[in-house]
Each structure stands twice: as C-alpha cells, then as structure tokens.
N, C-alpha and C. Protein backbone atom coordinates (compact mmCIF):
# COMPACT_ATOMS: atom_id res chain seq x y z
N MET A 1 -147.42 32.59 -42.29
CA MET A 1 -147.09 31.94 -42.77
C MET A 1 -145.45 31.93 -42.60
N ASP A 2 -144.80 30.19 -42.39
CA ASP A 2 -143.17 29.94 -41.57
C ASP A 2 -142.73 30.17 -42.71
N LEU A 3 -141.49 30.75 -42.01
CA LEU A 3 -140.21 30.60 -44.04
C LEU A 3 -138.58 30.49 -42.49
N ILE A 4 -137.83 29.95 -43.50
CA ILE A 4 -136.89 29.91 -43.61
C ILE A 4 -136.15 30.81 -44.55
N ASP A 5 -134.71 31.12 -43.51
CA ASP A 5 -133.77 31.80 -44.72
C ASP A 5 -132.96 31.36 -44.69
N THR A 6 -132.63 29.97 -46.21
CA THR A 6 -131.53 28.87 -45.72
C THR A 6 -130.36 29.31 -46.41
N HIS A 7 -129.41 31.42 -46.26
CA HIS A 7 -129.03 31.91 -46.79
C HIS A 7 -128.06 32.99 -46.09
N CYS A 8 -128.08 32.81 -45.41
CA CYS A 8 -127.13 34.32 -44.57
C CYS A 8 -126.65 34.45 -44.27
N HIS A 9 -125.36 35.55 -43.87
CA HIS A 9 -124.22 35.41 -43.76
C HIS A 9 -124.02 36.82 -42.74
N LEU A 10 -124.41 36.76 -41.39
CA LEU A 10 -124.55 37.22 -40.49
C LEU A 10 -123.27 38.00 -40.01
N ASP A 11 -122.58 37.27 -40.04
CA ASP A 11 -121.30 37.63 -40.08
C ASP A 11 -120.72 39.23 -40.80
N LEU A 12 -121.54 38.78 -42.47
CA LEU A 12 -120.87 40.50 -42.63
C LEU A 12 -121.88 41.76 -41.93
N VAL A 13 -123.49 41.38 -42.07
CA VAL A 13 -124.31 41.94 -41.39
C VAL A 13 -124.08 42.71 -40.42
N GLU A 14 -122.63 41.71 -39.16
CA GLU A 14 -122.19 42.27 -38.27
C GLU A 14 -120.94 43.17 -38.40
N LYS A 15 -120.62 42.81 -39.54
CA LYS A 15 -119.83 43.83 -39.65
C LYS A 15 -119.67 44.99 -40.04
N GLN A 16 -120.79 45.53 -40.93
CA GLN A 16 -121.18 46.78 -41.11
C GLN A 16 -122.06 47.70 -40.35
N GLY A 17 -121.97 47.31 -38.95
CA GLY A 17 -122.35 47.63 -37.92
C GLY A 17 -124.24 47.17 -36.94
N LEU A 18 -124.47 46.46 -38.27
CA LEU A 18 -125.93 46.59 -37.26
C LEU A 18 -125.43 44.84 -36.19
N ALA A 19 -127.04 45.53 -35.08
CA ALA A 19 -127.24 45.06 -34.20
C ALA A 19 -127.65 43.25 -34.90
N LEU A 20 -126.70 42.69 -33.94
CA LEU A 20 -127.21 41.00 -34.75
C LEU A 20 -128.94 40.64 -34.18
N GLU A 21 -129.02 40.92 -33.22
CA GLU A 21 -130.25 40.43 -31.88
C GLU A 21 -131.47 41.32 -32.50
N ALA A 22 -130.79 42.76 -32.90
CA ALA A 22 -132.81 43.46 -33.99
C ALA A 22 -132.30 43.27 -34.98
N VAL A 23 -131.26 42.82 -35.53
CA VAL A 23 -132.21 42.03 -36.68
C VAL A 23 -132.25 40.79 -36.85
N LEU A 24 -132.46 39.70 -36.00
CA LEU A 24 -133.03 38.00 -35.79
C LEU A 24 -134.10 38.56 -35.26
N ALA A 25 -134.51 39.89 -34.60
CA ALA A 25 -135.63 40.22 -33.88
C ALA A 25 -136.68 40.67 -35.32
N ASP A 26 -135.90 40.74 -35.75
CA ASP A 26 -137.42 42.08 -37.38
C ASP A 26 -136.97 40.29 -38.05
N ALA A 27 -135.89 39.91 -38.04
CA ALA A 27 -136.58 38.78 -39.32
C ALA A 27 -138.22 38.17 -38.87
N LYS A 28 -138.04 37.82 -37.31
CA LYS A 28 -138.65 36.84 -36.39
C LYS A 28 -140.18 37.24 -36.74
N MET A 29 -140.39 38.58 -36.78
CA MET A 29 -141.49 40.05 -36.95
C MET A 29 -142.25 39.50 -37.95
N SER A 30 -140.84 39.34 -39.09
CA SER A 30 -141.41 38.91 -40.64
C SER A 30 -141.95 37.63 -40.74
N GLY A 31 -141.96 37.31 -40.14
CA GLY A 31 -142.80 36.16 -39.83
C GLY A 31 -141.70 34.47 -40.37
N VAL A 32 -139.78 34.88 -39.75
CA VAL A 32 -138.74 33.72 -40.59
C VAL A 32 -139.03 32.74 -39.22
N GLN A 33 -138.52 31.79 -39.44
CA GLN A 33 -138.42 30.92 -38.61
C GLN A 33 -136.91 30.55 -37.78
N ALA A 34 -136.14 30.40 -38.74
CA ALA A 34 -135.02 29.72 -39.14
C ALA A 34 -134.33 30.51 -40.27
N VAL A 35 -133.31 30.44 -39.67
CA VAL A 35 -131.57 30.70 -40.50
C VAL A 35 -130.99 29.72 -40.58
N VAL A 36 -130.37 29.44 -41.51
CA VAL A 36 -128.83 29.49 -41.89
C VAL A 36 -128.26 30.18 -41.97
N GLN A 37 -127.12 30.00 -41.07
CA GLN A 37 -125.63 30.73 -41.13
C GLN A 37 -125.16 30.41 -41.92
N ILE A 38 -124.23 30.77 -43.20
CA ILE A 38 -123.12 30.37 -44.09
C ILE A 38 -121.97 30.65 -44.20
N GLY A 39 -121.05 29.63 -43.89
CA GLY A 39 -119.63 29.44 -44.18
C GLY A 39 -118.97 29.60 -45.82
N THR A 40 -118.12 30.87 -45.47
CA THR A 40 -117.57 31.39 -46.72
C THR A 40 -115.32 31.11 -46.52
N THR A 41 -115.43 30.87 -45.38
CA THR A 41 -114.36 31.16 -44.82
C THR A 41 -113.43 30.01 -43.35
N LEU A 42 -112.39 29.80 -43.19
CA LEU A 42 -112.29 29.05 -41.48
C LEU A 42 -112.31 29.88 -40.33
N ARG A 43 -112.37 31.66 -40.44
CA ARG A 43 -112.93 32.81 -39.91
C ARG A 43 -113.81 32.06 -39.99
N SER A 44 -115.01 32.91 -40.69
CA SER A 44 -116.86 32.87 -41.05
C SER A 44 -117.12 31.38 -40.29
N SER A 45 -116.81 30.29 -40.70
CA SER A 45 -117.26 29.36 -40.21
C SER A 45 -116.68 28.98 -38.94
N ARG A 46 -115.86 29.08 -38.12
CA ARG A 46 -116.05 29.54 -36.81
C ARG A 46 -116.76 30.20 -36.30
N TRP A 47 -117.21 31.73 -36.62
CA TRP A 47 -117.78 32.61 -36.38
C TRP A 47 -119.55 31.41 -35.86
N ASN A 48 -120.03 31.47 -37.43
CA ASN A 48 -120.49 30.50 -36.82
C ASN A 48 -121.30 29.39 -35.60
N GLN A 49 -120.57 28.93 -36.03
CA GLN A 49 -120.20 27.56 -35.06
C GLN A 49 -120.72 28.09 -33.60
N ALA A 50 -119.42 29.32 -33.00
CA ALA A 50 -119.64 30.35 -31.89
C ALA A 50 -121.23 30.78 -31.96
N PHE A 51 -121.25 31.96 -32.72
CA PHE A 51 -122.24 32.58 -32.80
C PHE A 51 -124.09 31.24 -31.79
N VAL A 52 -124.34 30.25 -33.33
CA VAL A 52 -125.29 29.60 -32.92
C VAL A 52 -125.33 29.22 -32.01
N GLU A 53 -124.19 28.10 -31.13
CA GLU A 53 -123.41 27.56 -29.64
C GLU A 53 -124.22 28.71 -28.64
N ASN A 54 -123.94 30.39 -28.64
CA ASN A 54 -124.20 30.93 -27.90
C ASN A 54 -125.60 32.32 -27.85
N HIS A 55 -126.16 31.72 -29.02
CA HIS A 55 -127.28 32.17 -29.25
C HIS A 55 -128.28 31.46 -28.26
N THR A 56 -129.16 32.54 -27.87
CA THR A 56 -130.55 32.64 -27.55
C THR A 56 -131.89 33.04 -27.41
N GLY A 57 -131.69 33.52 -28.35
CA GLY A 57 -132.84 33.79 -28.93
C GLY A 57 -134.23 32.59 -29.31
N ASP A 58 -135.31 33.07 -29.48
CA ASP A 58 -136.09 31.90 -29.66
C ASP A 58 -136.61 31.75 -31.48
N LEU A 59 -135.69 32.24 -32.22
CA LEU A 59 -135.19 32.17 -33.34
C LEU A 59 -134.25 31.19 -34.02
N GLN A 60 -134.62 30.29 -34.96
CA GLN A 60 -134.42 29.23 -34.92
C GLN A 60 -132.88 28.90 -35.79
N LEU A 61 -132.02 29.43 -35.08
CA LEU A 61 -130.29 29.37 -35.40
C LEU A 61 -129.06 27.57 -36.35
N PHE A 62 -129.16 27.60 -37.91
CA PHE A 62 -128.10 26.39 -37.98
C PHE A 62 -127.03 27.16 -38.58
N TRP A 63 -125.81 26.47 -39.11
CA TRP A 63 -124.86 27.43 -39.53
C TRP A 63 -124.44 26.04 -40.38
N THR A 64 -122.86 26.21 -41.12
CA THR A 64 -122.81 25.48 -42.20
C THR A 64 -121.10 25.95 -41.87
N ALA A 65 -120.08 25.19 -42.28
CA ALA A 65 -118.47 25.39 -42.76
C ALA A 65 -118.14 25.45 -44.29
N GLY A 66 -117.76 25.83 -44.42
CA GLY A 66 -116.82 25.71 -46.13
C GLY A 66 -116.32 26.96 -46.22
N LEU A 67 -115.35 26.85 -47.35
CA LEU A 67 -114.48 27.41 -48.26
C LEU A 67 -115.05 28.23 -49.58
N HIS A 68 -115.81 29.75 -49.88
CA HIS A 68 -116.34 30.05 -50.87
C HIS A 68 -114.95 30.30 -52.31
N PRO A 69 -115.72 29.54 -52.99
CA PRO A 69 -114.58 29.55 -54.44
C PRO A 69 -113.01 30.72 -54.56
N GLU A 70 -114.43 32.17 -54.24
CA GLU A 70 -113.48 33.37 -54.56
C GLU A 70 -112.57 33.28 -53.23
N ALA A 71 -112.70 32.53 -52.22
CA ALA A 71 -111.57 32.40 -51.42
C ALA A 71 -110.35 30.91 -51.37
N ALA A 72 -110.70 30.62 -52.21
CA ALA A 72 -109.64 29.74 -52.51
C ALA A 72 -108.49 30.13 -53.36
N SER A 73 -108.71 31.38 -53.24
CA SER A 73 -107.19 31.65 -53.65
C SER A 73 -106.10 31.11 -53.38
N SER A 74 -105.77 30.80 -51.51
CA SER A 74 -104.94 30.20 -50.90
C SER A 74 -106.02 29.51 -50.34
N LEU A 75 -104.89 27.85 -50.32
CA LEU A 75 -105.49 26.55 -49.52
C LEU A 75 -105.28 26.12 -48.57
N ALA A 76 -104.63 27.63 -47.64
CA ALA A 76 -104.04 27.22 -46.57
C ALA A 76 -104.21 27.19 -45.97
N ASP A 77 -106.06 27.63 -45.38
CA ASP A 77 -106.49 27.20 -44.48
C ASP A 77 -108.12 25.94 -44.65
N LEU A 78 -107.25 25.74 -45.59
CA LEU A 78 -108.18 24.14 -45.89
C LEU A 78 -108.23 23.26 -44.90
N GLU A 79 -106.84 22.28 -45.04
CA GLU A 79 -107.14 21.37 -44.28
C GLU A 79 -107.44 21.83 -43.08
N GLU A 80 -107.25 23.10 -41.95
CA GLU A 80 -107.74 22.99 -40.97
C GLU A 80 -109.11 22.85 -40.94
N LEU A 81 -110.05 23.54 -41.67
CA LEU A 81 -111.24 23.79 -42.26
C LEU A 81 -111.50 22.30 -42.52
N LEU A 82 -111.54 21.60 -43.38
CA LEU A 82 -111.89 20.19 -43.19
C LEU A 82 -112.26 19.85 -42.13
N SER A 83 -110.87 19.50 -40.88
CA SER A 83 -110.76 18.92 -39.82
C SER A 83 -111.33 20.08 -39.19
N PHE A 84 -111.72 21.38 -39.34
CA PHE A 84 -112.59 21.96 -38.33
C PHE A 84 -114.15 21.31 -38.04
N ILE A 85 -114.58 21.01 -39.56
CA ILE A 85 -116.32 20.15 -40.09
C ILE A 85 -115.90 19.71 -38.85
N ARG A 86 -114.65 18.29 -39.65
CA ARG A 86 -115.16 16.51 -38.83
C ARG A 86 -115.73 16.64 -37.21
N THR A 87 -114.55 18.22 -36.85
CA THR A 87 -114.32 18.48 -35.41
C THR A 87 -116.48 18.11 -34.48
N HIS A 88 -116.93 18.89 -35.72
CA HIS A 88 -118.08 19.64 -35.19
C HIS A 88 -119.14 19.08 -36.15
N ARG A 89 -119.27 18.33 -36.62
CA ARG A 89 -120.04 18.12 -37.91
C ARG A 89 -121.67 17.27 -36.71
N ASP A 90 -121.04 17.28 -34.93
CA ASP A 90 -122.20 16.85 -34.78
C ASP A 90 -122.46 18.01 -33.01
N SER A 91 -122.54 19.57 -33.54
CA SER A 91 -122.47 20.03 -32.56
C SER A 91 -123.83 20.43 -32.54
N LYS A 92 -124.28 21.50 -32.44
CA LYS A 92 -125.94 22.49 -31.79
C LYS A 92 -125.68 23.01 -33.21
N GLY A 93 -127.08 22.75 -34.26
CA GLY A 93 -127.24 23.10 -35.50
C GLY A 93 -126.25 23.37 -36.85
N PHE A 94 -125.18 22.32 -37.11
CA PHE A 94 -124.65 21.67 -37.81
C PHE A 94 -125.69 21.88 -38.63
N VAL A 95 -125.32 21.85 -39.78
CA VAL A 95 -126.48 21.10 -41.55
C VAL A 95 -125.50 20.80 -42.41
N GLY A 96 -124.54 20.95 -42.91
CA GLY A 96 -123.56 20.83 -43.27
C GLY A 96 -122.51 21.29 -44.44
N ILE A 97 -122.23 21.73 -45.10
CA ILE A 97 -120.49 21.91 -45.92
C ILE A 97 -120.90 22.62 -46.73
N GLY A 98 -120.08 23.71 -46.39
CA GLY A 98 -120.03 24.96 -47.62
C GLY A 98 -120.53 26.26 -47.51
N GLU A 99 -119.94 27.28 -47.88
CA GLU A 99 -120.85 27.57 -49.16
C GLU A 99 -119.45 27.08 -50.31
N THR A 100 -119.57 26.64 -51.05
CA THR A 100 -118.64 26.05 -51.71
C THR A 100 -118.26 25.93 -53.55
N GLY A 101 -117.52 25.46 -53.73
CA GLY A 101 -118.11 25.47 -55.96
C GLY A 101 -116.93 26.01 -56.33
N LEU A 102 -117.48 26.60 -56.77
CA LEU A 102 -116.81 27.36 -58.34
C LEU A 102 -117.07 28.79 -58.75
N ASP A 103 -116.40 29.41 -59.32
CA ASP A 103 -117.13 30.77 -59.48
C ASP A 103 -115.39 31.24 -60.35
N TYR A 104 -116.47 31.81 -61.66
CA TYR A 104 -114.69 32.09 -62.47
C TYR A 104 -115.58 33.50 -63.04
N PHE A 105 -116.30 34.35 -62.58
CA PHE A 105 -117.00 35.62 -63.02
C PHE A 105 -115.64 36.71 -62.74
N HIS A 106 -114.84 36.46 -61.30
CA HIS A 106 -114.28 38.15 -61.17
C HIS A 106 -112.99 37.40 -61.56
N THR A 107 -112.13 36.41 -61.72
CA THR A 107 -111.20 36.08 -62.28
C THR A 107 -111.39 34.08 -62.35
N THR A 108 -110.31 34.08 -63.89
CA THR A 108 -110.45 32.61 -63.72
C THR A 108 -108.91 32.15 -63.35
N GLU A 109 -107.87 32.71 -62.10
CA GLU A 109 -106.83 32.67 -61.94
C GLU A 109 -106.17 31.84 -61.27
N PHE A 110 -107.41 30.89 -60.37
CA PHE A 110 -107.64 30.62 -59.14
C PHE A 110 -108.36 29.05 -60.02
N VAL A 111 -108.47 29.01 -60.61
CA VAL A 111 -109.37 27.72 -61.21
C VAL A 111 -108.95 26.57 -60.52
N GLU A 112 -107.79 25.77 -60.30
CA GLU A 112 -107.20 25.04 -60.33
C GLU A 112 -107.02 24.47 -58.24
N ASN A 113 -107.29 25.72 -57.60
CA ASN A 113 -107.41 26.08 -56.19
C ASN A 113 -109.07 25.54 -55.92
N GLN A 114 -109.78 26.47 -57.00
CA GLN A 114 -111.27 26.11 -56.57
C GLN A 114 -111.65 24.84 -56.82
N LYS A 115 -111.54 24.70 -57.98
CA LYS A 115 -111.12 22.39 -57.90
C LYS A 115 -111.03 21.47 -57.11
N VAL A 116 -109.98 22.12 -56.17
CA VAL A 116 -109.03 21.29 -55.18
C VAL A 116 -110.16 21.37 -55.12
N SER A 117 -110.60 22.56 -53.82
CA SER A 117 -110.99 22.70 -52.41
C SER A 117 -112.43 22.13 -52.62
N PHE A 118 -113.29 22.72 -53.74
CA PHE A 118 -114.67 22.07 -53.82
C PHE A 118 -114.65 20.66 -54.12
N GLN A 119 -113.03 19.98 -54.92
CA GLN A 119 -113.40 18.67 -54.98
C GLN A 119 -112.77 18.02 -53.33
N ARG A 120 -112.11 18.79 -53.10
CA ARG A 120 -112.18 17.79 -51.37
C ARG A 120 -113.65 18.49 -49.87
N HIS A 121 -114.15 19.33 -49.98
CA HIS A 121 -114.94 19.48 -49.84
C HIS A 121 -116.31 18.54 -49.69
N ILE A 122 -116.52 17.60 -51.67
CA ILE A 122 -116.99 16.48 -52.05
C ILE A 122 -117.46 16.21 -51.10
N ASP A 123 -115.66 15.54 -51.12
CA ASP A 123 -115.57 14.43 -50.81
C ASP A 123 -116.17 13.79 -49.71
N LEU A 124 -115.91 14.86 -48.65
CA LEU A 124 -115.32 15.19 -47.16
C LEU A 124 -117.49 15.12 -47.07
N ALA A 125 -118.15 15.66 -48.03
CA ALA A 125 -119.56 15.55 -47.26
C ALA A 125 -120.17 14.74 -48.01
N GLU A 126 -119.57 14.06 -48.95
CA GLU A 126 -120.27 12.35 -49.44
C GLU A 126 -118.98 11.69 -48.70
N GLU A 127 -118.76 11.41 -47.77
CA GLU A 127 -118.33 10.67 -46.64
C GLU A 127 -118.68 11.03 -45.23
N LEU A 128 -119.23 11.95 -44.69
CA LEU A 128 -119.79 12.58 -43.08
C LEU A 128 -121.53 12.07 -43.93
N ARG A 129 -121.78 12.19 -45.47
CA ARG A 129 -123.40 12.38 -45.92
C ARG A 129 -123.53 13.82 -44.24
N VAL A 130 -123.58 14.63 -45.67
CA VAL A 130 -124.08 15.81 -44.93
C VAL A 130 -124.28 16.68 -45.64
N PRO A 131 -124.89 17.37 -46.31
CA PRO A 131 -126.06 17.96 -47.64
C PRO A 131 -124.59 19.33 -47.49
N LEU A 132 -124.36 19.33 -49.06
CA LEU A 132 -123.25 20.01 -49.13
C LEU A 132 -123.80 21.24 -50.00
N ILE A 133 -123.56 22.73 -49.91
CA ILE A 133 -123.88 24.00 -49.96
C ILE A 133 -122.81 24.83 -51.30
N VAL A 134 -123.17 24.36 -52.20
CA VAL A 134 -122.95 24.75 -53.47
C VAL A 134 -122.72 26.48 -54.42
N HIS A 135 -121.69 27.05 -54.08
CA HIS A 135 -122.07 28.69 -55.30
C HIS A 135 -121.46 28.68 -56.22
N LEU A 136 -121.97 28.73 -58.12
CA LEU A 136 -121.55 28.57 -59.09
C LEU A 136 -121.84 29.74 -60.06
N ARG A 137 -120.85 30.17 -60.12
CA ARG A 137 -121.42 31.51 -61.31
C ARG A 137 -119.93 31.63 -61.88
N ASP A 138 -120.73 32.32 -63.52
CA ASP A 138 -119.72 32.32 -64.98
C ASP A 138 -119.61 33.77 -65.10
N ASP A 139 -120.54 34.41 -64.52
CA ASP A 139 -121.13 36.38 -64.80
C ASP A 139 -121.82 36.63 -64.47
N ARG A 140 -122.46 37.36 -64.18
CA ARG A 140 -122.78 38.35 -63.36
C ARG A 140 -124.50 38.10 -63.95
N GLN A 141 -125.19 37.53 -64.88
CA GLN A 141 -126.25 37.23 -65.33
C GLN A 141 -125.84 35.74 -66.10
N TYR A 142 -127.28 35.25 -65.88
CA TYR A 142 -126.77 33.94 -67.00
C TYR A 142 -127.20 33.98 -68.12
N SER A 143 -126.19 32.43 -68.67
CA SER A 143 -126.57 33.35 -70.43
C SER A 143 -126.16 31.63 -70.33
N LYS A 144 -126.75 31.14 -71.91
CA LYS A 144 -127.10 29.35 -71.64
C LYS A 144 -125.03 29.60 -72.78
N GLU A 145 -124.76 30.72 -72.76
CA GLU A 145 -123.01 30.36 -73.20
C GLU A 145 -122.48 30.44 -72.09
N LYS A 146 -122.72 30.59 -70.94
CA LYS A 146 -121.81 30.62 -70.19
C LYS A 146 -122.68 29.97 -69.03
N THR A 147 -121.51 28.61 -68.55
CA THR A 147 -122.24 27.73 -67.75
C THR A 147 -120.91 27.01 -67.94
N GLN A 148 -119.58 26.88 -67.83
CA GLN A 148 -118.58 26.51 -67.41
C GLN A 148 -118.68 25.33 -66.30
N THR A 149 -118.97 26.47 -65.28
CA THR A 149 -119.30 26.38 -63.83
C THR A 149 -120.10 25.39 -64.26
N VAL A 150 -120.48 24.89 -63.84
CA VAL A 150 -122.56 24.39 -64.01
C VAL A 150 -121.68 22.64 -64.45
N ARG A 151 -120.60 23.28 -65.73
CA ARG A 151 -120.70 21.70 -66.48
C ARG A 151 -119.16 21.44 -65.73
N ASP A 152 -118.66 21.31 -65.54
CA ASP A 152 -117.85 21.40 -64.21
C ASP A 152 -117.81 20.89 -63.38
N ALA A 153 -119.10 21.42 -62.38
CA ALA A 153 -119.83 20.79 -61.02
C ALA A 153 -120.08 19.39 -61.81
N ILE A 154 -121.09 19.32 -62.78
CA ILE A 154 -122.35 17.75 -62.90
C ILE A 154 -121.01 17.07 -63.02
N GLN A 155 -119.41 17.35 -63.30
CA GLN A 155 -118.59 16.84 -64.02
C GLN A 155 -118.09 16.05 -62.90
N MET A 156 -118.01 16.38 -61.19
CA MET A 156 -116.52 16.38 -59.79
C MET A 156 -117.72 15.72 -59.11
N VAL A 157 -119.43 16.01 -58.97
CA VAL A 157 -119.62 14.72 -58.36
C VAL A 157 -120.76 14.42 -59.01
N ARG A 158 -120.47 13.91 -60.68
CA ARG A 158 -121.09 12.80 -61.27
C ARG A 158 -120.75 11.31 -60.49
N GLY A 159 -121.55 10.46 -60.11
CA GLY A 159 -120.81 9.00 -59.20
C GLY A 159 -121.29 9.24 -58.55
N LYS A 160 -121.53 10.51 -57.50
CA LYS A 160 -121.23 9.99 -55.76
C LYS A 160 -123.23 10.12 -55.48
N LYS A 161 -122.62 8.77 -55.17
CA LYS A 161 -123.55 8.25 -54.71
C LYS A 161 -124.45 8.77 -52.94
N ASN A 162 -123.40 9.45 -52.51
CA ASN A 162 -123.64 9.80 -51.09
C ASN A 162 -124.21 11.12 -50.94
N LEU A 163 -124.32 12.11 -51.64
CA LEU A 163 -123.59 13.10 -52.20
C LEU A 163 -125.40 14.58 -51.75
N LYS A 164 -125.14 15.22 -50.59
CA LYS A 164 -126.77 15.52 -50.87
C LYS A 164 -126.98 16.86 -50.68
C-alpha cells in the first residue's frame, strides 16, 4: 500500500534530536512514499524549502509555507512570508500555502491578527492558484456548540472561485 503523509513537521522532529534521514527511512520502510512538510512560521517555511531542495533520499518530499494561527500573535513576518511564497512558488516540491487559519482554543486575544493573516493567505492562494492548508480549532474536542472558527473561515472563503 502506498501512503502519503500529508501533514508533517520534520523541523519539530529535528528539534527533538532525532536523525531525520533515519526517521524518513523508517517511514519509507513502513510504506510511506511521500511526505508533505508543513510551514508554520517564516523560519519553518525557509527550513522546509531548504530541506526539500537538499534532500537526496528516495522518499518524495514536498513542502508548504505559511503562518500558523498560533504564530499570528505578531504579524511582523507576514509580509516577508508572503514574499517568500511568491518567490518560491515554482521551487522544487512546493505544493501549497499554509498551515494557516483560525485557532481560538488557547486564547482569543489575537483573533483579529489571525483573521488578517488568514485573509492574506487566502488571497495569495487564490491569486497563485495553489492549494491552501487550513487549521481550524475551537477546543480540544469537537462539539456542535464550539464551531466559531469554522463559521468564520467559511465566511472568509465564501465567493473565492479560484481557491483550492
């Protein structure tokens, strides 16, 4: 069976001190054929691009660039991140924008920043016609009463004809 890990954070695995090539070799032996490395900050997005560009193993690697909603408390890197995406959209292995979205679980203090960031990601994904990887979370566990992020996200993407 061929498997694709569509949401990986190898940069965090590396921070834990694990050897990435060994982790990828284990994944390959388990049937994983490809990995999508997800961007959460400008730094991780740059890491993703360099890691995929320099990877020489036989596991297919892809990457995205984005600002996770929990990283949107400050929008200081947002413009540089969006410029990075524009510059590298045709780079080896680039497959989309994100992880971005709305996260009201830990705090709602930065909801407006999250919405600004998410909207900018939405607009760029629509303009470049590349997929958008979305993170939405209201609570640790789903309940019908706690779906504000979903409602807000639907309102923000409504009418976007070229959004993937």
